[in-house]
Amino acid sequence: MSATRVRLSQLPRTVDLTIYAGDDFSMTLTVTEADGSPVDFSDASIWAQVRRRPDSPEVLGEFDVSAEEATILLRLSSELTARLPSRCVYDCEWMNRALTLIAGGILIRPEVTRDDG
């Protein structure tokens, strides 16, 4: 009789982003409880940071975060996207529940039209 392997995992949803350098970026997340009911973010503390690698000590930037009812709006300014490296990573954490909602890589595409001085 052989043992049955079971693997359990609780990882955030992977959402990779491709962003055009120097452009504003925003995305909206709608979050529900396991039973499908909407999450109440009225007193939520949500953070989302960008780093070169997950283990990098330096924060390259932070998303502007606003949360209302079951919706989270994440924004990066054009100034930030202009200075991010071509590849980096991010995640978005719901601090009240110690839960990472999404995580992934960011690919920055270089802009063409710019003021070179």
PDB file of N, CA and C in Angstrom:
ATOM      1  N   MET A   1       0.841  -1.166   0.000  1.00  0.00           N
ATOM      2  CA  MET A   1       0.000   0.000   0.000  1.00  0.00           C
ATOM      3  C   MET A   1       0.893   1.238   0.000  1.00  0.00           C
ATOM      4  N   SER A   2       0.659   2.126  -0.934  1.00  0.00           N
ATOM      5  CA  SER A   2       1.476   3.336  -1.026  1.00  0.00           C
ATOM      6  C   SER A   2       0.756   4.516  -0.363  1.00  0.00           C
ATOM      7  N   ALA A   3       1.558   5.417   0.136  1.00  0.00           N
ATOM      8  CA  ALA A   3       1.013   6.611   0.779  1.00  0.00           C
ATOM      9  C   ALA A   3       0.517   7.585  -0.289  1.00  0.00           C
ATOM     10  N   THR A   4      -0.553   8.251  -0.004  1.00  0.00           N
ATOM     11  CA  THR A   4      -1.095   9.266  -0.909  1.00  0.00           C
ATOM     12  C   THR A   4      -0.485  10.610  -0.547  1.00  0.00           C
ATOM     13  N   ARG A   5       0.069  11.258  -1.558  1.00  0.00           N
ATOM     14  CA  ARG A   5       0.636  12.589  -1.334  1.00  0.00           C
ATOM     15  C   ARG A   5      -0.459  13.633  -1.387  1.00  0.00           C
ATOM     16  N   VAL A   6      -0.421  14.520  -0.439  1.00  0.00           N
ATOM     17  CA  VAL A   6      -1.353  15.636  -0.396  1.00  0.00           C
ATOM     18  C   VAL A   6      -0.532  16.901  -0.296  1.00  0.00           C
ATOM     19  N   ARG A   7      -0.869  17.874  -1.100  1.00  0.00           N
ATOM     20  CA  ARG A   7      -0.188  19.160  -1.043  1.00  0.00           C
ATOM     21  C   ARG A   7      -1.216  20.245  -0.788  1.00  0.00           C
ATOM     22  N   LEU A   8      -0.997  20.997   0.260  1.00  0.00           N
ATOM     23  CA  LEU A   8      -1.853  22.134   0.569  1.00  0.00           C
ATOM     24  C   LEU A   8      -1.070  23.407   0.309  1.00  0.00           C
ATOM     25  N   SER A   9      -1.743  24.401  -0.191  1.00  0.00           N
ATOM     26  CA  SER A   9      -1.068  25.661  -0.490  1.00  0.00           C
ATOM     27  C   SER A   9      -2.027  26.815  -0.248  1.00  0.00           C
ATOM     28  N   GLN A  10      -1.491  27.847   0.353  1.00  0.00           N
ATOM     29  CA  GLN A  10      -2.256  29.083   0.493  1.00  0.00           C
ATOM     30  C   GLN A  10      -1.363  30.207   0.008  1.00  0.00           C
ATOM     31  N   LEU A  11      -1.367  30.396  -1.276  1.00  0.00           N
ATOM     32  CA  LEU A  11      -0.556  31.438  -1.898  1.00  0.00           C
ATOM     33  C   LEU A  11      -1.470  32.513  -2.466  1.00  0.00           C
ATOM     34  N   PRO A  12      -0.973  33.748  -2.532  1.00  0.00           N
ATOM     35  CA  PRO A  12      -1.789  34.796  -3.145  1.00  0.00           C
ATOM     36  C   PRO A  12      -1.935  34.538  -4.644  1.00  0.00           C
ATOM     37  N   ARG A  13      -2.960  35.096  -5.213  1.00  0.00           N
ATOM     38  CA  ARG A  13      -3.141  35.001  -6.666  1.00  0.00           C
ATOM     39  C   ARG A  13      -1.992  35.738  -7.346  1.00  0.00           C
ATOM     40  N   THR A  14      -1.395  35.123  -8.358  1.00  0.00           N
ATOM     41  CA  THR A  14      -0.318  35.752  -9.115  1.00  0.00           C
ATOM     42  C   THR A  14      -0.921  36.622 -10.212  1.00  0.00           C
ATOM     43  N   VAL A  15      -0.568  37.908 -10.185  1.00  0.00           N
ATOM     44  CA  VAL A  15      -1.003  38.857 -11.208  1.00  0.00           C
ATOM     45  C   VAL A  15       0.247  39.600 -11.662  1.00  0.00           C
ATOM     46  N   ASP A  16       0.773  39.230 -12.826  1.00  0.00           N
ATOM     47  CA  ASP A  16       1.940  39.909 -13.384  1.00  0.00           C
ATOM     48  C   ASP A  16       1.480  41.153 -14.144  1.00  0.00           C
ATOM     49  N   LEU A  17       2.255  42.220 -14.019  1.00  0.00           N
ATOM     50  CA  LEU A  17       1.903  43.509 -14.618  1.00  0.00           C
ATOM     51  C   LEU A  17       2.925  43.890 -15.681  1.00  0.00           C
ATOM     52  N   THR A  18       2.478  44.437 -16.775  1.00  0.00           N
ATOM     53  CA  THR A  18       3.334  45.085 -17.760  1.00  0.00           C
ATOM     54  C   THR A  18       2.896  46.535 -17.803  1.00  0.00           C
ATOM     55  N   ILE A  19       3.844  47.427 -17.515  1.00  0.00           N
ATOM     56  CA  ILE A  19       3.544  48.847 -17.383  1.00  0.00           C
ATOM     57  C   ILE A  19       4.449  49.639 -18.315  1.00  0.00           C
ATOM     58  N   TYR A  20       3.897  50.629 -18.954  1.00  0.00           N
ATOM     59  CA  TYR A  20       4.668  51.509 -19.823  1.00  0.00           C
ATOM     60  C   TYR A  20       5.349  52.576 -18.963  1.00  0.00           C
ATOM     61  N   ALA A  21       6.656  52.673 -19.043  1.00  0.00           N
ATOM     62  CA  ALA A  21       7.424  53.628 -18.229  1.00  0.00           C
ATOM     63  C   ALA A  21       6.912  55.047 -18.447  1.00  0.00           C
ATOM     64  N   GLY A  22       6.762  55.781 -17.359  1.00  0.00           N
ATOM     65  CA  GLY A  22       6.337  57.170 -17.438  1.00  0.00           C
ATOM     66  C   GLY A  22       4.845  57.369 -17.540  1.00  0.00           C
ATOM     67  N   ASP A  23       4.060  56.285 -17.523  1.00  0.00           N
ATOM     68  CA  ASP A  23       2.603  56.393 -17.551  1.00  0.00           C
ATOM     69  C   ASP A  23       2.043  56.123 -16.161  1.00  0.00           C
ATOM     70  N   ASP A  24       0.934  56.773 -15.845  1.00  0.00           N
ATOM     71  CA  ASP A  24       0.198  56.416 -14.640  1.00  0.00           C
ATOM     72  C   ASP A  24      -0.350  55.013 -14.825  1.00  0.00           C
ATOM     73  N   PHE A  25      -0.456  54.278 -13.729  1.00  0.00           N
ATOM     74  CA  PHE A  25      -0.997  52.924 -13.772  1.00  0.00           C
ATOM     75  C   PHE A  25      -1.991  52.762 -12.637  1.00  0.00           C
ATOM     76  N   SER A  26      -3.089  52.082 -12.901  1.00  0.00           N
ATOM     77  CA  SER A  26      -4.031  51.760 -11.830  1.00  0.00           C
ATOM     78  C   SER A  26      -4.718  50.438 -12.135  1.00  0.00           C
ATOM     79  N   MET A  27      -5.112  49.761 -11.063  1.00  0.00           N
ATOM     80  CA  MET A  27      -5.904  48.549 -11.198  1.00  0.00           C
ATOM     81  C   MET A  27      -6.844  48.452 -10.007  1.00  0.00           C
ATOM     82  N   THR A  28      -7.954  47.780 -10.232  1.00  0.00           N
ATOM     83  CA  THR A  28      -8.971  47.614  -9.210  1.00  0.00           C
ATOM     84  C   THR A  28      -9.107  46.142  -8.875  1.00  0.00           C
ATOM     85  N   LEU A  29      -9.137  45.839  -7.577  1.00  0.00           N
ATOM     86  CA  LEU A  29      -9.373  44.477  -7.100  1.00  0.00           C
ATOM     87  C   LEU A  29     -10.715  44.440  -6.400  1.00  0.00           C
ATOM     88  N   THR A  30     -11.498  43.437  -6.685  1.00  0.00           N
ATOM     89  CA  THR A  30     -12.727  43.191  -5.946  1.00  0.00           C
ATOM     90  C   THR A  30     -12.506  41.915  -5.151  1.00  0.00           C
ATOM     91  N   VAL A  31     -12.699  41.996  -3.841  1.00  0.00           N
ATOM     92  CA  VAL A  31     -12.375  40.890  -2.952  1.00  0.00           C
ATOM     93  C   VAL A  31     -13.645  40.396  -2.270  1.00  0.00           C
ATOM     94  N   THR A  32     -13.795  39.069  -2.231  1.00  0.00           N
ATOM     95  CA  THR A  32     -14.938  38.461  -1.557  1.00  0.00           C
ATOM     96  C   THR A  32     -14.448  37.475  -0.503  1.00  0.00           C
ATOM     97  N   GLU A  33     -15.301  37.205   0.445  1.00  0.00           N
ATOM     98  CA  GLU A  33     -15.038  36.166   1.444  1.00  0.00           C
ATOM     99  C   GLU A  33     -15.153  34.800   0.763  1.00  0.00           C
ATOM    100  N   ALA A  34     -14.735  33.750   1.439  1.00  0.00           N
ATOM    101  CA  ALA A  34     -14.785  32.398   0.884  1.00  0.00           C
ATOM    102  C   ALA A  34     -16.206  31.995   0.482  1.00  0.00           C
ATOM    103  N   ASP A  35     -17.208  32.530   1.186  1.00  0.00           N
ATOM    104  CA  ASP A  35     -18.598  32.189   0.869  1.00  0.00           C
ATOM    105  C   ASP A  35     -19.187  33.062  -0.248  1.00  0.00           C
ATOM    106  N   GLY A  36     -18.363  33.955  -0.821  1.00  0.00           N
ATOM    107  CA  GLY A  36     -18.808  34.804  -1.920  1.00  0.00           C
ATOM    108  C   GLY A  36     -19.356  36.151  -1.499  1.00  0.00           C
ATOM    109  N   SER A  37     -19.513  36.380  -0.211  1.00  0.00           N
ATOM    110  CA  SER A  37     -20.015  37.677   0.256  1.00  0.00           C
ATOM    111  C   SER A  37     -18.919  38.734   0.149  1.00  0.00           C
ATOM    112  N   PRO A  38     -19.288  39.999  -0.063  1.00  0.00           N
ATOM    113  CA  PRO A  38     -18.277  41.045  -0.211  1.00  0.00           C
ATOM    114  C   PRO A  38     -17.518  41.292   1.092  1.00  0.00           C
ATOM    115  N   VAL A  39     -16.249  41.608   0.961  1.00  0.00           N
ATOM    116  CA  VAL A  39     -15.406  41.944   2.105  1.00  0.00           C
ATOM    117  C   VAL A  39     -15.676  43.392   2.485  1.00  0.00           C
ATOM    118  N   ASP A  40     -15.615  43.696   3.760  1.00  0.00           N
ATOM    119  CA  ASP A  40     -15.780  45.067   4.230  1.00  0.00           C
ATOM    120  C   ASP A  40     -14.395  45.647   4.522  1.00  0.00           C
ATOM    121  N   PHE A  41     -13.950  46.580   3.700  1.00  0.00           N
ATOM    122  CA  PHE A  41     -12.650  47.212   3.866  1.00  0.00           C
ATOM    123  C   PHE A  41     -12.732  48.540   4.620  1.00  0.00           C
ATOM    124  N   SER A  42     -13.831  48.817   5.312  1.00  0.00           N
ATOM    125  CA  SER A  42     -14.012  50.131   5.934  1.00  0.00           C
ATOM    126  C   SER A  42     -12.898  50.491   6.916  1.00  0.00           C
ATOM    127  N   ASP A  43     -12.349  49.540   7.659  1.00  0.00           N
ATOM    128  CA  ASP A  43     -11.251  49.814   8.589  1.00  0.00           C
ATOM    129  C   ASP A  43      -9.975  49.082   8.193  1.00  0.00           C
ATOM    130  N   ALA A  44      -9.842  48.774   6.935  1.00  0.00           N
ATOM    131  CA  ALA A  44      -8.716  47.949   6.472  1.00  0.00           C
ATOM    132  C   ALA A  44      -7.424  48.754   6.359  1.00  0.00           C
ATOM    133  N   SER A  45      -6.343  48.072   6.634  1.00  0.00           N
ATOM    134  CA  SER A  45      -5.003  48.607   6.394  1.00  0.00           C
ATOM    135  C   SER A  45      -4.394  47.768   5.271  1.00  0.00           C
ATOM    136  N   ILE A  46      -4.204  48.398   4.111  1.00  0.00           N
ATOM    137  CA  ILE A  46      -3.714  47.701   2.931  1.00  0.00           C
ATOM    138  C   ILE A  46      -2.421  48.354   2.486  1.00  0.00           C
ATOM    139  N   TRP A  47      -1.395  47.546   2.256  1.00  0.00           N
ATOM    140  CA  TRP A  47      -0.103  48.030   1.756  1.00  0.00           C
ATOM    141  C   TRP A  47       0.239  47.296   0.479  1.00  0.00           C
ATOM    142  N   ALA A  48       0.923  47.984  -0.411  1.00  0.00           N
ATOM    143  CA  ALA A  48       1.427  47.360  -1.627  1.00  0.00           C
ATOM    144  C   ALA A  48       2.741  48.032  -1.978  1.00  0.00           C
ATOM    145  N   GLN A  49       3.800  47.237  -2.005  1.00  0.00           N
ATOM    146  CA  GLN A  49       5.143  47.766  -2.268  1.00  0.00           C
ATOM    147  C   GLN A  49       5.754  47.130  -3.509  1.00  0.00           C
ATOM    148  N   VAL A  50       6.728  47.858  -4.065  1.00  0.00           N
ATOM    149  CA  VAL A  50       7.503  47.381  -5.202  1.00  0.00           C
ATOM    150  C   VAL A  50       8.960  47.266  -4.750  1.00  0.00           C
ATOM    151  N   ARG A  51       9.570  46.135  -5.061  1.00  0.00           N
ATOM    152  CA  ARG A  51      10.988  45.905  -4.759  1.00  0.00           C
ATOM    153  C   ARG A  51      11.653  45.256  -5.964  1.00  0.00           C
ATOM    154  N   ARG A  52      12.970  45.331  -5.997  1.00  0.00           N
ATOM    155  CA  ARG A  52      13.719  44.705  -7.099  1.00  0.00           C
ATOM    156  C   ARG A  52      13.503  43.194  -7.102  1.00  0.00           C
ATOM    157  N   ARG A  53      13.603  42.576  -5.930  1.00  0.00           N
ATOM    158  CA  ARG A  53      13.368  41.147  -5.718  1.00  0.00           C
ATOM    159  C   ARG A  53      12.610  41.006  -4.396  1.00  0.00           C
ATOM    160  N   PRO A  54      11.947  39.884  -4.159  1.00  0.00           N
ATOM    161  CA  PRO A  54      11.224  39.740  -2.891  1.00  0.00           C
ATOM    162  C   PRO A  54      12.103  39.924  -1.653  1.00  0.00           C
ATOM    163  N   ASP A  55      13.375  39.540  -1.745  1.00  0.00           N
ATOM    164  CA  ASP A  55      14.260  39.637  -0.581  1.00  0.00           C
ATOM    165  C   ASP A  55      15.054  40.941  -0.526  1.00  0.00           C
ATOM    166  N   SER A  56      14.782  41.876  -1.429  1.00  0.00           N
ATOM    167  CA  SER A  56      15.506  43.150  -1.452  1.00  0.00           C
ATOM    168  C   SER A  56      15.122  44.015  -0.253  1.00  0.00           C
ATOM    169  N   PRO A  57      16.099  44.609   0.428  1.00  0.00           N
ATOM    170  CA  PRO A  57      15.771  45.486   1.551  1.00  0.00           C
ATOM    171  C   PRO A  57      15.187  46.833   1.099  1.00  0.00           C
ATOM    172  N   GLU A  58      15.528  47.256  -0.109  1.00  0.00           N
ATOM    173  CA  GLU A  58      15.105  48.576  -0.590  1.00  0.00           C
ATOM    174  C   GLU A  58      13.716  48.541  -1.217  1.00  0.00           C
ATOM    175  N   VAL A  59      12.846  49.423  -0.746  1.00  0.00           N
ATOM    176  CA  VAL A  59      11.530  49.604  -1.353  1.00  0.00           C
ATOM    177  C   VAL A  59      11.706  50.598  -2.500  1.00  0.00           C
ATOM    178  N   LEU A  60      11.388  50.173  -3.718  1.00  0.00           N
ATOM    179  CA  LEU A  60      11.510  51.055  -4.881  1.00  0.00           C
ATOM    180  C   LEU A  60      10.342  52.028  -4.977  1.00  0.00           C
ATOM    181  N   GLY A  61       9.228  51.646  -4.408  1.00  0.00           N
ATOM    182  CA  GLY A  61       8.054  52.499  -4.436  1.00  0.00           C
ATOM    183  C   GLY A  61       6.881  51.810  -3.775  1.00  0.00           C
ATOM    184  N   GLU A  62       5.844  52.580  -3.534  1.00  0.00           N
ATOM    185  CA  GLU A  62       4.621  52.040  -2.955  1.00  0.00           C
ATOM    186  C   GLU A  62       3.436  52.452  -3.814  1.00  0.00           C
ATOM    187  N   PHE A  63       2.495  51.552  -3.940  1.00  0.00           N
ATOM    188  CA  PHE A  63       1.240  51.883  -4.601  1.00  0.00           C
ATOM    189  C   PHE A  63       0.458  52.821  -3.701  1.00  0.00           C
ATOM    190  N   ASP A  64      -0.236  53.792  -4.284  1.00  0.00           N
ATOM    191  CA  ASP A  64      -1.254  54.544  -3.558  1.00  0.00           C
ATOM    192  C   ASP A  64      -2.447  53.606  -3.477  1.00  0.00           C
ATOM    193  N   VAL A  65      -2.960  53.405  -2.282  1.00  0.00           N
ATOM    194  CA  VAL A  65      -4.033  52.430  -2.059  1.00  0.00           C
ATOM    195  C   VAL A  65      -5.251  53.129  -1.484  1.00  0.00           C
ATOM    196  N   SER A  66      -6.406  52.852  -2.064  1.00  0.00           N
ATOM    197  CA  SER A  66      -7.663  53.269  -1.450  1.00  0.00           C
ATOM    198  C   SER A  66      -8.594  52.060  -1.469  1.00  0.00           C
ATOM    199  N   ALA A  67      -9.318  51.879  -0.374  1.00  0.00           N
ATOM    200  CA  ALA A  67     -10.216  50.735  -0.245  1.00  0.00           C
ATOM    201  C   ALA A  67     -11.581  51.212   0.202  1.00  0.00           C
ATOM    202  N   GLU A  68     -12.597  50.638  -0.396  1.00  0.00           N
ATOM    203  CA  GLU A  68     -13.970  51.014  -0.076  1.00  0.00           C
ATOM    204  C   GLU A  68     -14.848  49.794  -0.330  1.00  0.00           C
ATOM    205  N   GLU A  69     -15.665  49.459   0.646  1.00  0.00           N
ATOM    206  CA  GLU A  69     -16.523  48.280   0.566  1.00  0.00           C
ATOM    207  C   GLU A  69     -15.667  47.073   0.186  1.00  0.00           C
ATOM    208  N   ALA A  70     -15.903  46.405  -0.922  1.00  0.00           N
ATOM    209  CA  ALA A  70     -15.134  45.216  -1.302  1.00  0.00           C
ATOM    210  C   ALA A  70     -14.118  45.504  -2.399  1.00  0.00           C
ATOM    211  N   THR A  71     -13.798  46.777  -2.619  1.00  0.00           N
ATOM    212  CA  THR A  71     -12.948  47.165  -3.737  1.00  0.00           C
ATOM    213  C   THR A  71     -11.686  47.875  -3.263  1.00  0.00           C
ATOM    214  N   ILE A  72     -10.574  47.505  -3.884  1.00  0.00           N
ATOM    215  CA  ILE A  72      -9.287  48.155  -3.620  1.00  0.00           C
ATOM    216  C   ILE A  72      -8.809  48.772  -4.930  1.00  0.00           C
ATOM    217  N   LEU A  73      -8.404  50.030  -4.886  1.00  0.00           N
ATOM    218  CA  LEU A  73      -7.804  50.699  -6.031  1.00  0.00           C
ATOM    219  C   LEU A  73      -6.321  50.879  -5.736  1.00  0.00           C
ATOM    220  N   LEU A  74      -5.466  50.350  -6.627  1.00  0.00           N
ATOM    221  CA  LEU A  74      -4.014  50.470  -6.506  1.00  0.00           C
ATOM    222  C   LEU A  74      -3.517  51.353  -7.640  1.00  0.00           C
ATOM    223  N   ARG A  75      -2.694  52.356  -7.291  1.00  0.00           N
ATOM    224  CA  ARG A  75      -2.200  53.293  -8.302  1.00  0.00           C
ATOM    225  C   ARG A  75      -0.697  53.501  -8.162  1.00  0.00           C
ATOM    226  N   LEU A  76      -0.032  53.629  -9.315  1.00  0.00           N
ATOM    227  CA  LEU A  76       1.369  54.052  -9.385  1.00  0.00           C
ATOM    228  C   LEU A  76       1.424  55.319 -10.220  1.00  0.00           C
ATOM    229  N   SER A  77       2.181  56.292  -9.754  1.00  0.00           N
ATOM    230  CA  SER A  77       2.295  57.556 -10.483  1.00  0.00           C
ATOM    231  C   SER A  77       3.230  57.402 -11.679  1.00  0.00           C
ATOM    232  N   SER A  78       3.092  58.304 -12.612  1.00  0.00           N
ATOM    233  CA  SER A  78       3.975  58.305 -13.789  1.00  0.00           C
ATOM    234  C   SER A  78       5.429  58.537 -13.370  1.00  0.00           C
ATOM    235  N   GLU A  79       5.630  59.347 -12.328  1.00  0.00           N
ATOM    236  CA  GLU A  79       6.993  59.605 -11.841  1.00  0.00           C
ATOM    237  C   GLU A  79       7.638  58.315 -11.339  1.00  0.00           C
ATOM    238  N   LEU A  80       6.858  57.484 -10.655  1.00  0.00           N
ATOM    239  CA  LEU A  80       7.395  56.221 -10.145  1.00  0.00           C
ATOM    240  C   LEU A  80       7.637  55.227 -11.273  1.00  0.00           C
ATOM    241  N   THR A  81       6.690  55.071 -12.189  1.00  0.00           N
ATOM    242  CA  THR A  81       6.887  54.094 -13.267  1.00  0.00           C
ATOM    243  C   THR A  81       8.061  54.486 -14.165  1.00  0.00           C
ATOM    244  N   ALA A  82       8.367  55.784 -14.241  1.00  0.00           N
ATOM    245  CA  ALA A  82       9.500  56.246 -15.059  1.00  0.00           C
ATOM    246  C   ALA A  82      10.843  55.823 -14.471  1.00  0.00           C
ATOM    247  N   ARG A  83      10.899  55.604 -13.152  1.00  0.00           N
ATOM    248  CA  ARG A  83      12.190  55.292 -12.545  1.00  0.00           C
ATOM    249  C   ARG A  83      12.334  53.843 -12.071  1.00  0.00           C
ATOM    250  N   LEU A  84      11.307  53.025 -12.289  1.00  0.00           N
ATOM    251  CA  LEU A  84      11.416  51.621 -11.899  1.00  0.00           C
ATOM    252  C   LEU A  84      12.341  50.873 -12.856  1.00  0.00           C
ATOM    253  N   PRO A  85      13.061  49.863 -12.359  1.00  0.00           N
ATOM    254  CA  PRO A  85      13.899  49.048 -13.242  1.00  0.00           C
ATOM    255  C   PRO A  85      13.018  48.225 -14.186  1.00  0.00           C
ATOM    256  N   SER A  86      13.617  47.659 -15.210  1.00  0.00           N
ATOM    257  CA  SER A  86      12.845  46.940 -16.218  1.00  0.00           C
ATOM    258  C   SER A  86      12.115  45.721 -15.659  1.00  0.00           C
ATOM    259  N   ARG A  87      12.626  45.142 -14.589  1.00  0.00           N
ATOM    260  CA  ARG A  87      11.954  44.012 -13.926  1.00  0.00           C
ATOM    261  C   ARG A  87      11.998  44.203 -12.421  1.00  0.00           C
ATOM    262  N   CYS A  88      10.867  44.031 -11.791  1.00  0.00           N
ATOM    263  CA  CYS A  88      10.774  44.130 -10.343  1.00  0.00           C
ATOM    264  C   CYS A  88       9.565  43.307  -9.894  1.00  0.00           C
ATOM    265  N   VAL A  89       9.272  43.320  -8.592  1.00  0.00           N
ATOM    266  CA  VAL A  89       8.163  42.539  -8.041  1.00  0.00           C
ATOM    267  C   VAL A  89       7.326  43.409  -7.108  1.00  0.00           C
ATOM    268  N   TYR A  90       6.112  42.959  -6.832  1.00  0.00           N
ATOM    269  CA  TYR A  90       5.226  43.676  -5.923  1.00  0.00           C
ATOM    270  C   TYR A  90       4.334  42.662  -5.214  1.00  0.00           C
ATOM    271  N   ASP A  91       3.709  43.111  -4.149  1.00  0.00           N
ATOM    272  CA  ASP A  91       2.581  42.390  -3.587  1.00  0.00           C
ATOM    273  C   ASP A  91       1.664  43.383  -2.895  1.00  0.00           C
ATOM    274  N   CYS A  92       0.473  42.905  -2.584  1.00  0.00           N
ATOM    275  CA  CYS A  92      -0.542  43.722  -1.923  1.00  0.00           C
ATOM    276  C   CYS A  92      -1.038  42.936  -0.724  1.00  0.00           C
ATOM    277  N   GLU A  93      -0.844  43.512   0.472  1.00  0.00           N
ATOM    278  CA  GLU A  93      -1.177  42.808   1.704  1.00  0.00           C
ATOM    279  C   GLU A  93      -2.289  43.511   2.478  1.00  0.00           C
ATOM    280  N   TRP A  94      -3.179  42.705   2.987  1.00  0.00           N
ATOM    281  CA  TRP A  94      -4.239  43.164   3.877  1.00  0.00           C
ATOM    282  C   TRP A  94      -3.717  42.930   5.281  1.00  0.00           C
ATOM    283  N   MET A  95      -3.190  43.987   5.881  1.00  0.00           N
ATOM    284  CA  MET A  95      -2.466  43.873   7.143  1.00  0.00           C
ATOM    285  C   MET A  95      -3.359  43.414   8.294  1.00  0.00           C
ATOM    286  N   ASN A  96      -4.644  43.807   8.323  1.00  0.00           N
ATOM    287  CA  ASN A  96      -5.540  43.421   9.410  1.00  0.00           C
ATOM    288  C   ASN A  96      -5.699  41.907   9.513  1.00  0.00           C
ATOM    289  N   ARG A  97      -5.623  41.226   8.381  1.00  0.00           N
ATOM    290  CA  ARG A  97      -5.796  39.771   8.358  1.00  0.00           C
ATOM    291  C   ARG A  97      -4.483  39.032   8.109  1.00  0.00           C
ATOM    292  N   ALA A  98      -3.376  39.763   8.019  1.00  0.00           N
ATOM    293  CA  ALA A  98      -2.081  39.148   7.689  1.00  0.00           C
ATOM    294  C   ALA A  98      -2.238  38.250   6.461  1.00  0.00           C
ATOM    295  N   LEU A  99      -2.788  38.836   5.392  1.00  0.00           N
ATOM    296  CA  LEU A  99      -3.119  38.082   4.190  1.00  0.00           C
ATOM    297  C   LEU A  99      -2.616  38.831   2.952  1.00  0.00           C
ATOM    298  N   THR A 100      -1.816  38.156   2.151  1.00  0.00           N
ATOM    299  CA  THR A 100      -1.374  38.727   0.884  1.00  0.00           C
ATOM    300  C   THR A 100      -2.428  38.406  -0.168  1.00  0.00           C
ATOM    301  N   LEU A 101      -3.007  39.441  -0.763  1.00  0.00           N
ATOM    302  CA  LEU A 101      -4.109  39.272  -1.711  1.00  0.00           C
ATOM    303  C   LEU A 101      -3.617  38.915  -3.105  1.00  0.00           C
ATOM    304  N   ILE A 102      -2.628  39.658  -3.599  1.00  0.00           N
ATOM    305  CA  ILE A 102      -2.047  39.372  -4.913  1.00  0.00           C
ATOM    306  C   ILE A 102      -0.548  39.644  -4.844  1.00  0.00           C
ATOM    307  N   ALA A 103       0.173  39.054  -5.776  1.00  0.00           N
ATOM    308  CA  ALA A 103       1.617  39.270  -5.877  1.00  0.00           C
ATOM    309  C   ALA A 103       2.025  38.932  -7.300  1.00  0.00           C
ATOM    310  N   GLY A 104       3.159  39.480  -7.715  1.00  0.00           N
ATOM    311  CA  GLY A 104       3.629  39.131  -9.047  1.00  0.00           C
ATOM    312  C   GLY A 104       4.825  39.953  -9.474  1.00  0.00           C
ATOM    313  N   GLY A 105       5.175  39.775 -10.708  1.00  0.00           N
ATOM    314  CA  GLY A 105       6.271  40.515 -11.303  1.00  0.00           C
ATOM    315  C   GLY A 105       5.757  41.736 -12.039  1.00  0.00           C
ATOM    316  N   ILE A 106       6.644  42.689 -12.191  1.00  0.00           N
ATOM    317  CA  ILE A 106       6.342  43.884 -12.993  1.00  0.00           C
ATOM    318  C   ILE A 106       7.387  43.972 -14.093  1.00  0.00           C
ATOM    319  N   LEU A 107       6.927  44.078 -15.313  1.00  0.00           N
ATOM    320  CA  LEU A 107       7.783  44.314 -16.468  1.00  0.00           C
ATOM    321  C   LEU A 107       7.532  45.747 -16.915  1.00  0.00           C
ATOM    322  N   ILE A 108       8.579  46.555 -16.925  1.00  0.00           N
ATOM    323  CA  ILE A 108       8.463  47.945 -17.354  1.00  0.00           C
ATOM    324  C   ILE A 108       8.921  48.043 -18.806  1.00  0.00           C
ATOM    325  N   ARG A 109       8.034  48.494 -19.676  1.00  0.00           N
ATOM    326  CA  ARG A 109       8.360  48.702 -21.093  1.00  0.00           C
ATOM    327  C   ARG A 109       8.855  50.133 -21.243  1.00  0.00           C
ATOM    328  N   PRO A 110       9.995  50.353 -21.901  1.00  0.00           N
ATOM    329  CA  PRO A 110      10.522  51.707 -22.032  1.00  0.00           C
ATOM    330  C   PRO A 110       9.626  52.594 -22.896  1.00  0.00           C
ATOM    331  N   GLU A 111       9.529  53.864 -22.497  1.00  0.00           N
ATOM    332  CA  GLU A 111       8.739  54.801 -23.293  1.00  0.00           C
ATOM    333  C   GLU A 111       9.565  55.284 -24.481  1.00  0.00           C
ATOM    334  N   VAL A 112       8.880  55.740 -25.506  1.00  0.00           N
ATOM    335  CA  VAL A 112       9.535  56.232 -26.717  1.00  0.00           C
ATOM    336  C   VAL A 112       9.547  57.743 -26.730  1.00  0.00           C
ATOM    337  N   THR A 113       8.395  58.357 -26.541  1.00  0.00           N
ATOM    338  CA  THR A 113       8.280  59.809 -26.588  1.00  0.00           C
ATOM    339  C   THR A 113       8.632  60.382 -25.219  1.00  0.00           C
ATOM    340  N   ARG A 114       9.660  61.221 -25.176  1.00  0.00           N
ATOM    341  CA  ARG A 114      10.104  61.819 -23.919  1.00  0.00           C
ATOM    342  C   ARG A 114      10.892  63.079 -24.201  1.00  0.00           C
ATOM    343  N   ASP A 115      11.062  63.874 -23.176  1.00  0.00           N
ATOM    344  CA  ASP A 115      11.859  65.106 -23.270  1.00  0.00           C
ATOM    345  C   ASP A 115      13.279  64.770 -22.835  1.00  0.00           C
ATOM    346  N   ASP A 116      14.201  64.680 -23.786  1.00  0.00           N
ATOM    347  CA  ASP A 116      15.586  64.329 -23.470  1.00  0.00           C
ATOM    348  C   ASP A 116      16.426  65.567 -23.171  1.00  0.00           C
ATOM    349  N   GLY A 117      15.802  66.686 -22.996  1.00  0.00           N
ATOM    350  CA  GLY A 117      16.568  67.844 -22.569  1.00  0.00           C
ATOM    351  C   GLY A 117      16.633  68.848 -23.620  1.00  0.00           C
TER     352      GLY A 117
END
